[in-house]
Amino acid sequence: LELPFPGDNPLVVAMKILQGVVQPLSKQYSAELRSLCGALLCPTVQHRISAEEVSQLPWVRRVQRHEEVKPLSDEMETLKISLGSIEFERFMMAQLTARQDAVNLG
């Protein structure tokens, strides 16, 4: 995964956010995940998906039924600290994508 708004400094990042130009996720990720990321990063607030709408997406509900959200284990907390927040989120998104792909295949 790459950051949706890469930049060398906060001003560059802010300008990219204001322009609302986001590179779509690669096709290695599911169509559902690519669509969700696009909807979450929509520059028009009225068209941006809400947390409530995300929680009602059929594929999100399927994943929620299969797995109860639990606090991070000590090992995962250690991993989060060692990787840093952004890399940890990338790692977790890759894990979620792999699980979603497994659900789709099963």
N, C-alpha and C. Protein backbone atom coordinates (compact mmCIF):
# COMPACT_ATOMS: atom_id res chain seq x y z
N LEU A 1 0.84 -1.20 0.00
CA LEU A 1 0.00 0.00 0.00
C LEU A 1 0.87 1.24 0.00
N GLU A 2 0.33 2.29 -0.57
CA GLU A 2 1.00 3.58 -0.56
C GLU A 2 0.07 4.59 0.08
N LEU A 3 0.64 5.66 0.60
CA LEU A 3 -0.18 6.71 1.17
C LEU A 3 -1.04 7.34 0.08
N PRO A 4 -2.29 7.69 0.40
CA PRO A 4 -3.15 8.27 -0.63
C PRO A 4 -2.71 9.67 -1.05
N PHE A 5 -2.03 10.38 -0.14
CA PHE A 5 -1.58 11.74 -0.43
C PHE A 5 -0.11 11.86 -0.06
N PRO A 6 0.79 11.29 -0.86
CA PRO A 6 2.21 11.36 -0.51
C PRO A 6 2.76 12.76 -0.69
N GLY A 7 3.76 13.08 0.09
CA GLY A 7 4.40 14.38 -0.04
C GLY A 7 5.60 14.48 0.87
N ASP A 8 6.51 15.37 0.51
CA ASP A 8 7.72 15.54 1.30
C ASP A 8 7.53 16.42 2.53
N ASN A 9 6.43 17.19 2.53
CA ASN A 9 6.19 18.06 3.68
C ASN A 9 4.68 18.26 3.85
N PRO A 10 4.25 18.75 5.00
CA PRO A 10 2.81 18.90 5.26
C PRO A 10 2.07 19.79 4.26
N LEU A 11 2.74 20.80 3.72
CA LEU A 11 2.08 21.68 2.75
C LEU A 11 1.74 20.92 1.46
N VAL A 12 2.67 20.11 0.98
CA VAL A 12 2.43 19.31 -0.22
C VAL A 12 1.28 18.35 0.02
N VAL A 13 1.28 17.70 1.18
CA VAL A 13 0.21 16.76 1.52
C VAL A 13 -1.14 17.48 1.58
N ALA A 14 -1.16 18.64 2.24
CA ALA A 14 -2.40 19.42 2.35
C ALA A 14 -2.93 19.83 0.98
N MET A 15 -2.05 20.23 0.08
CA MET A 15 -2.47 20.63 -1.26
C MET A 15 -3.07 19.44 -2.01
N LYS A 16 -2.47 18.27 -1.85
CA LYS A 16 -3.00 17.08 -2.52
C LYS A 16 -4.37 16.70 -1.96
N ILE A 17 -4.53 16.85 -0.65
CA ILE A 17 -5.83 16.57 -0.03
C ILE A 17 -6.87 17.53 -0.58
N LEU A 18 -6.55 18.82 -0.64
CA LEU A 18 -7.50 19.81 -1.15
C LEU A 18 -7.85 19.58 -2.62
N GLN A 19 -6.88 19.12 -3.39
CA GLN A 19 -7.14 18.83 -4.81
C GLN A 19 -8.00 17.57 -4.96
N GLY A 20 -7.93 16.70 -3.97
CA GLY A 20 -8.77 15.50 -3.99
C GLY A 20 -8.38 14.46 -5.03
N VAL A 21 -7.15 14.51 -5.49
CA VAL A 21 -6.70 13.54 -6.48
C VAL A 21 -6.04 12.38 -5.75
N VAL A 22 -6.63 11.21 -5.91
CA VAL A 22 -6.13 10.01 -5.23
C VAL A 22 -5.90 8.93 -6.27
N GLN A 23 -4.75 8.30 -6.19
CA GLN A 23 -4.48 7.15 -7.05
C GLN A 23 -5.28 5.97 -6.52
N PRO A 24 -6.02 5.28 -7.37
CA PRO A 24 -6.79 4.12 -6.89
C PRO A 24 -5.86 3.01 -6.43
N LEU A 25 -6.37 2.17 -5.54
CA LEU A 25 -5.61 1.00 -5.10
C LEU A 25 -5.39 0.07 -6.29
N SER A 26 -4.31 -0.67 -6.23
CA SER A 26 -4.02 -1.60 -7.33
C SER A 26 -5.05 -2.73 -7.33
N LYS A 27 -5.12 -3.41 -8.44
CA LYS A 27 -6.10 -4.49 -8.61
C LYS A 27 -5.76 -5.72 -7.78
N GLN A 28 -4.65 -5.70 -7.07
CA GLN A 28 -4.34 -6.83 -6.19
C GLN A 28 -5.30 -6.86 -5.00
N TYR A 29 -5.97 -5.73 -4.74
CA TYR A 29 -6.95 -5.65 -3.66
C TYR A 29 -8.35 -5.89 -4.23
N SER A 30 -9.23 -6.38 -3.38
CA SER A 30 -10.59 -6.70 -3.85
C SER A 30 -11.31 -5.45 -4.35
N ALA A 31 -12.26 -5.67 -5.23
CA ALA A 31 -13.05 -4.56 -5.76
C ALA A 31 -13.78 -3.84 -4.63
N GLU A 32 -14.25 -4.61 -3.65
CA GLU A 32 -14.95 -4.01 -2.51
C GLU A 32 -14.05 -3.05 -1.73
N LEU A 33 -12.81 -3.50 -1.47
CA LEU A 33 -11.88 -2.67 -0.72
C LEU A 33 -11.49 -1.44 -1.52
N ARG A 34 -11.26 -1.61 -2.82
CA ARG A 34 -10.92 -0.45 -3.66
C ARG A 34 -12.05 0.56 -3.68
N SER A 35 -13.28 0.07 -3.79
CA SER A 35 -14.44 0.95 -3.79
C SER A 35 -14.60 1.67 -2.46
N LEU A 36 -14.41 0.93 -1.37
CA LEU A 36 -14.53 1.54 -0.04
C LEU A 36 -13.49 2.64 0.16
N CYS A 37 -12.25 2.37 -0.21
CA CYS A 37 -11.20 3.39 -0.05
C CYS A 37 -11.53 4.64 -0.86
N GLY A 38 -12.02 4.45 -2.07
CA GLY A 38 -12.41 5.60 -2.88
C GLY A 38 -13.54 6.39 -2.24
N ALA A 39 -14.51 5.67 -1.67
CA ALA A 39 -15.65 6.33 -1.02
C ALA A 39 -15.22 7.06 0.26
N LEU A 40 -14.26 6.49 0.98
CA LEU A 40 -13.77 7.13 2.21
C LEU A 40 -12.97 8.38 1.92
N LEU A 41 -12.31 8.42 0.77
CA LEU A 41 -11.45 9.55 0.42
C LEU A 41 -12.13 10.53 -0.54
N CYS A 42 -13.43 10.40 -0.72
CA CYS A 42 -14.16 11.30 -1.61
C CYS A 42 -14.03 12.74 -1.11
N PRO A 43 -13.60 13.68 -1.96
CA PRO A 43 -13.40 15.05 -1.50
C PRO A 43 -14.70 15.80 -1.18
N THR A 44 -15.81 15.36 -1.74
CA THR A 44 -17.10 16.02 -1.48
C THR A 44 -17.75 15.38 -0.26
N VAL A 45 -17.88 16.15 0.80
CA VAL A 45 -18.39 15.62 2.06
C VAL A 45 -19.75 14.96 1.89
N GLN A 46 -20.62 15.57 1.11
CA GLN A 46 -21.96 15.03 0.92
C GLN A 46 -21.95 13.65 0.26
N HIS A 47 -20.92 13.36 -0.52
CA HIS A 47 -20.83 12.08 -1.22
C HIS A 47 -19.93 11.07 -0.51
N ARG A 48 -19.22 11.52 0.53
CA ARG A 48 -18.29 10.64 1.25
C ARG A 48 -19.08 9.66 2.11
N ILE A 49 -18.65 8.43 2.14
CA ILE A 49 -19.33 7.41 2.92
C ILE A 49 -19.11 7.65 4.42
N SER A 50 -20.13 7.41 5.20
CA SER A 50 -20.03 7.61 6.66
C SER A 50 -19.64 6.30 7.34
N ALA A 51 -19.24 6.39 8.58
CA ALA A 51 -18.91 5.19 9.35
C ALA A 51 -20.12 4.27 9.46
N GLU A 52 -21.29 4.85 9.63
CA GLU A 52 -22.52 4.06 9.70
C GLU A 52 -22.75 3.29 8.39
N GLU A 53 -22.54 3.97 7.26
CA GLU A 53 -22.71 3.31 5.97
C GLU A 53 -21.68 2.20 5.77
N VAL A 54 -20.46 2.45 6.22
CA VAL A 54 -19.42 1.41 6.13
C VAL A 54 -19.85 0.18 6.92
N SER A 55 -20.36 0.40 8.13
CA SER A 55 -20.74 -0.73 8.98
C SER A 55 -21.90 -1.53 8.40
N GLN A 56 -22.64 -0.95 7.45
CA GLN A 56 -23.78 -1.65 6.85
C GLN A 56 -23.44 -2.33 5.52
N LEU A 57 -22.22 -2.16 5.04
CA LEU A 57 -21.83 -2.82 3.79
C LEU A 57 -21.88 -4.33 3.99
N PRO A 58 -22.46 -5.05 3.04
CA PRO A 58 -22.61 -6.50 3.21
C PRO A 58 -21.31 -7.23 3.51
N TRP A 59 -20.23 -6.87 2.80
CA TRP A 59 -18.97 -7.59 3.04
C TRP A 59 -18.36 -7.24 4.37
N VAL A 60 -18.59 -6.04 4.87
CA VAL A 60 -18.10 -5.66 6.21
C VAL A 60 -18.89 -6.44 7.25
N ARG A 61 -20.19 -6.53 7.06
CA ARG A 61 -21.03 -7.28 8.00
C ARG A 61 -20.65 -8.77 8.03
N ARG A 62 -20.30 -9.33 6.86
CA ARG A 62 -19.88 -10.73 6.82
C ARG A 62 -18.61 -10.93 7.65
N VAL A 63 -17.66 -10.03 7.49
CA VAL A 63 -16.41 -10.13 8.24
C VAL A 63 -16.70 -9.95 9.73
N GLN A 64 -17.57 -9.01 10.07
CA GLN A 64 -17.91 -8.78 11.48
C GLN A 64 -18.54 -10.02 12.09
N ARG A 65 -19.38 -10.72 11.35
CA ARG A 65 -20.02 -11.94 11.87
C ARG A 65 -18.99 -13.03 12.11
N HIS A 66 -17.96 -13.08 11.27
CA HIS A 66 -16.96 -14.13 11.39
C HIS A 66 -15.95 -13.87 12.50
N GLU A 67 -15.73 -12.62 12.79
CA GLU A 67 -14.71 -12.30 13.78
C GLU A 67 -15.17 -11.19 14.69
N GLU A 68 -15.07 -11.46 15.95
CA GLU A 68 -15.37 -10.45 16.95
C GLU A 68 -14.13 -9.58 17.12
N VAL A 69 -14.31 -8.27 17.18
CA VAL A 69 -13.19 -7.37 17.34
C VAL A 69 -12.69 -7.47 18.78
N LYS A 70 -11.40 -7.68 18.91
CA LYS A 70 -10.79 -7.83 20.23
C LYS A 70 -9.68 -6.80 20.37
N PRO A 71 -9.34 -6.46 21.60
CA PRO A 71 -8.19 -5.56 21.78
C PRO A 71 -6.92 -6.21 21.25
N LEU A 72 -5.95 -5.39 20.90
CA LEU A 72 -4.69 -5.92 20.40
C LEU A 72 -3.98 -6.73 21.47
N SER A 73 -3.42 -7.84 21.06
CA SER A 73 -2.61 -8.65 21.98
C SER A 73 -1.32 -7.90 22.29
N ASP A 74 -0.61 -8.37 23.29
CA ASP A 74 0.68 -7.75 23.62
C ASP A 74 1.64 -7.81 22.43
N GLU A 75 1.60 -8.95 21.71
CA GLU A 75 2.48 -9.09 20.55
C GLU A 75 2.13 -8.07 19.47
N MET A 76 0.84 -7.85 19.24
CA MET A 76 0.42 -6.89 18.22
C MET A 76 0.74 -5.46 18.65
N GLU A 77 0.58 -5.17 19.93
CA GLU A 77 0.96 -3.84 20.43
C GLU A 77 2.45 -3.60 20.21
N THR A 78 3.26 -4.62 20.48
CA THR A 78 4.70 -4.51 20.27
C THR A 78 5.00 -4.28 18.79
N LEU A 79 4.31 -5.02 17.92
CA LEU A 79 4.48 -4.85 16.49
C LEU A 79 4.09 -3.43 16.07
N LYS A 80 2.98 -2.93 16.59
CA LYS A 80 2.53 -1.58 16.26
C LYS A 80 3.57 -0.54 16.66
N ILE A 81 4.14 -0.71 17.84
CA ILE A 81 5.15 0.23 18.32
C ILE A 81 6.41 0.15 17.45
N SER A 82 6.83 -1.08 17.12
CA SER A 82 8.06 -1.22 16.35
C SER A 82 7.90 -0.76 14.90
N LEU A 83 6.73 -0.98 14.29
CA LEU A 83 6.51 -0.57 12.91
C LEU A 83 6.16 0.90 12.77
N GLY A 84 5.49 1.44 13.76
CA GLY A 84 4.93 2.78 13.64
C GLY A 84 3.50 2.66 13.13
N SER A 85 2.71 3.67 13.37
CA SER A 85 1.27 3.61 13.07
C SER A 85 0.96 3.36 11.61
N ILE A 86 1.62 4.06 10.71
CA ILE A 86 1.29 3.94 9.29
C ILE A 86 1.64 2.56 8.76
N GLU A 87 2.84 2.07 9.07
CA GLU A 87 3.24 0.74 8.61
C GLU A 87 2.38 -0.35 9.24
N PHE A 88 2.00 -0.15 10.51
CA PHE A 88 1.14 -1.12 11.17
C PHE A 88 -0.22 -1.17 10.47
N GLU A 89 -0.77 -0.01 10.12
CA GLU A 89 -2.05 0.04 9.40
C GLU A 89 -1.93 -0.64 8.04
N ARG A 90 -0.82 -0.45 7.35
CA ARG A 90 -0.60 -1.13 6.07
C ARG A 90 -0.58 -2.64 6.27
N PHE A 91 0.12 -3.08 7.30
CA PHE A 91 0.19 -4.50 7.61
C PHE A 91 -1.20 -5.05 7.89
N MET A 92 -1.98 -4.35 8.70
CA MET A 92 -3.31 -4.81 9.06
C MET A 92 -4.25 -4.81 7.85
N MET A 93 -4.14 -3.81 6.98
CA MET A 93 -4.97 -3.79 5.78
C MET A 93 -4.64 -4.98 4.88
N ALA A 94 -3.37 -5.33 4.78
CA ALA A 94 -2.98 -6.50 3.98
C ALA A 94 -3.58 -7.77 4.59
N GLN A 95 -3.59 -7.85 5.92
CA GLN A 95 -4.18 -9.01 6.58
C GLN A 95 -5.68 -9.08 6.32
N LEU A 96 -6.36 -7.94 6.42
CA LEU A 96 -7.80 -7.91 6.17
C LEU A 96 -8.13 -8.27 4.73
N THR A 97 -7.33 -7.78 3.81
CA THR A 97 -7.55 -8.10 2.41
C THR A 97 -7.38 -9.59 2.17
N ALA A 98 -6.36 -10.17 2.76
CA ALA A 98 -6.13 -11.62 2.61
C ALA A 98 -7.30 -12.40 3.18
N ARG A 99 -7.83 -11.98 4.31
CA ARG A 99 -8.97 -12.67 4.90
C ARG A 99 -10.20 -12.52 4.02
N GLN A 100 -10.41 -11.32 3.49
CA GLN A 100 -11.58 -11.09 2.63
C GLN A 100 -11.47 -11.96 1.38
N ASP A 101 -10.26 -12.06 0.82
CA ASP A 101 -10.07 -12.91 -0.35
C ASP A 101 -10.37 -14.36 -0.01
N ALA A 102 -9.97 -14.80 1.18
CA ALA A 102 -10.24 -16.18 1.61
C ALA A 102 -11.74 -16.41 1.77
N VAL A 103 -12.45 -15.42 2.31
CA VAL A 103 -13.91 -15.53 2.45
C VAL A 103 -14.56 -15.61 1.08
N ASN A 104 -14.08 -14.79 0.14
CA ASN A 104 -14.64 -14.80 -1.22
C ASN A 104 -14.41 -16.13 -1.92
N LEU A 105 -13.27 -16.76 -1.64
CA LEU A 105 -12.96 -18.05 -2.27
C LEU A 105 -13.73 -19.19 -1.61
N GLY A 106 -14.03 -19.02 -0.31
CA GLY A 106 -14.70 -20.09 0.45
C GLY A 106 -16.14 -20.08 0.25
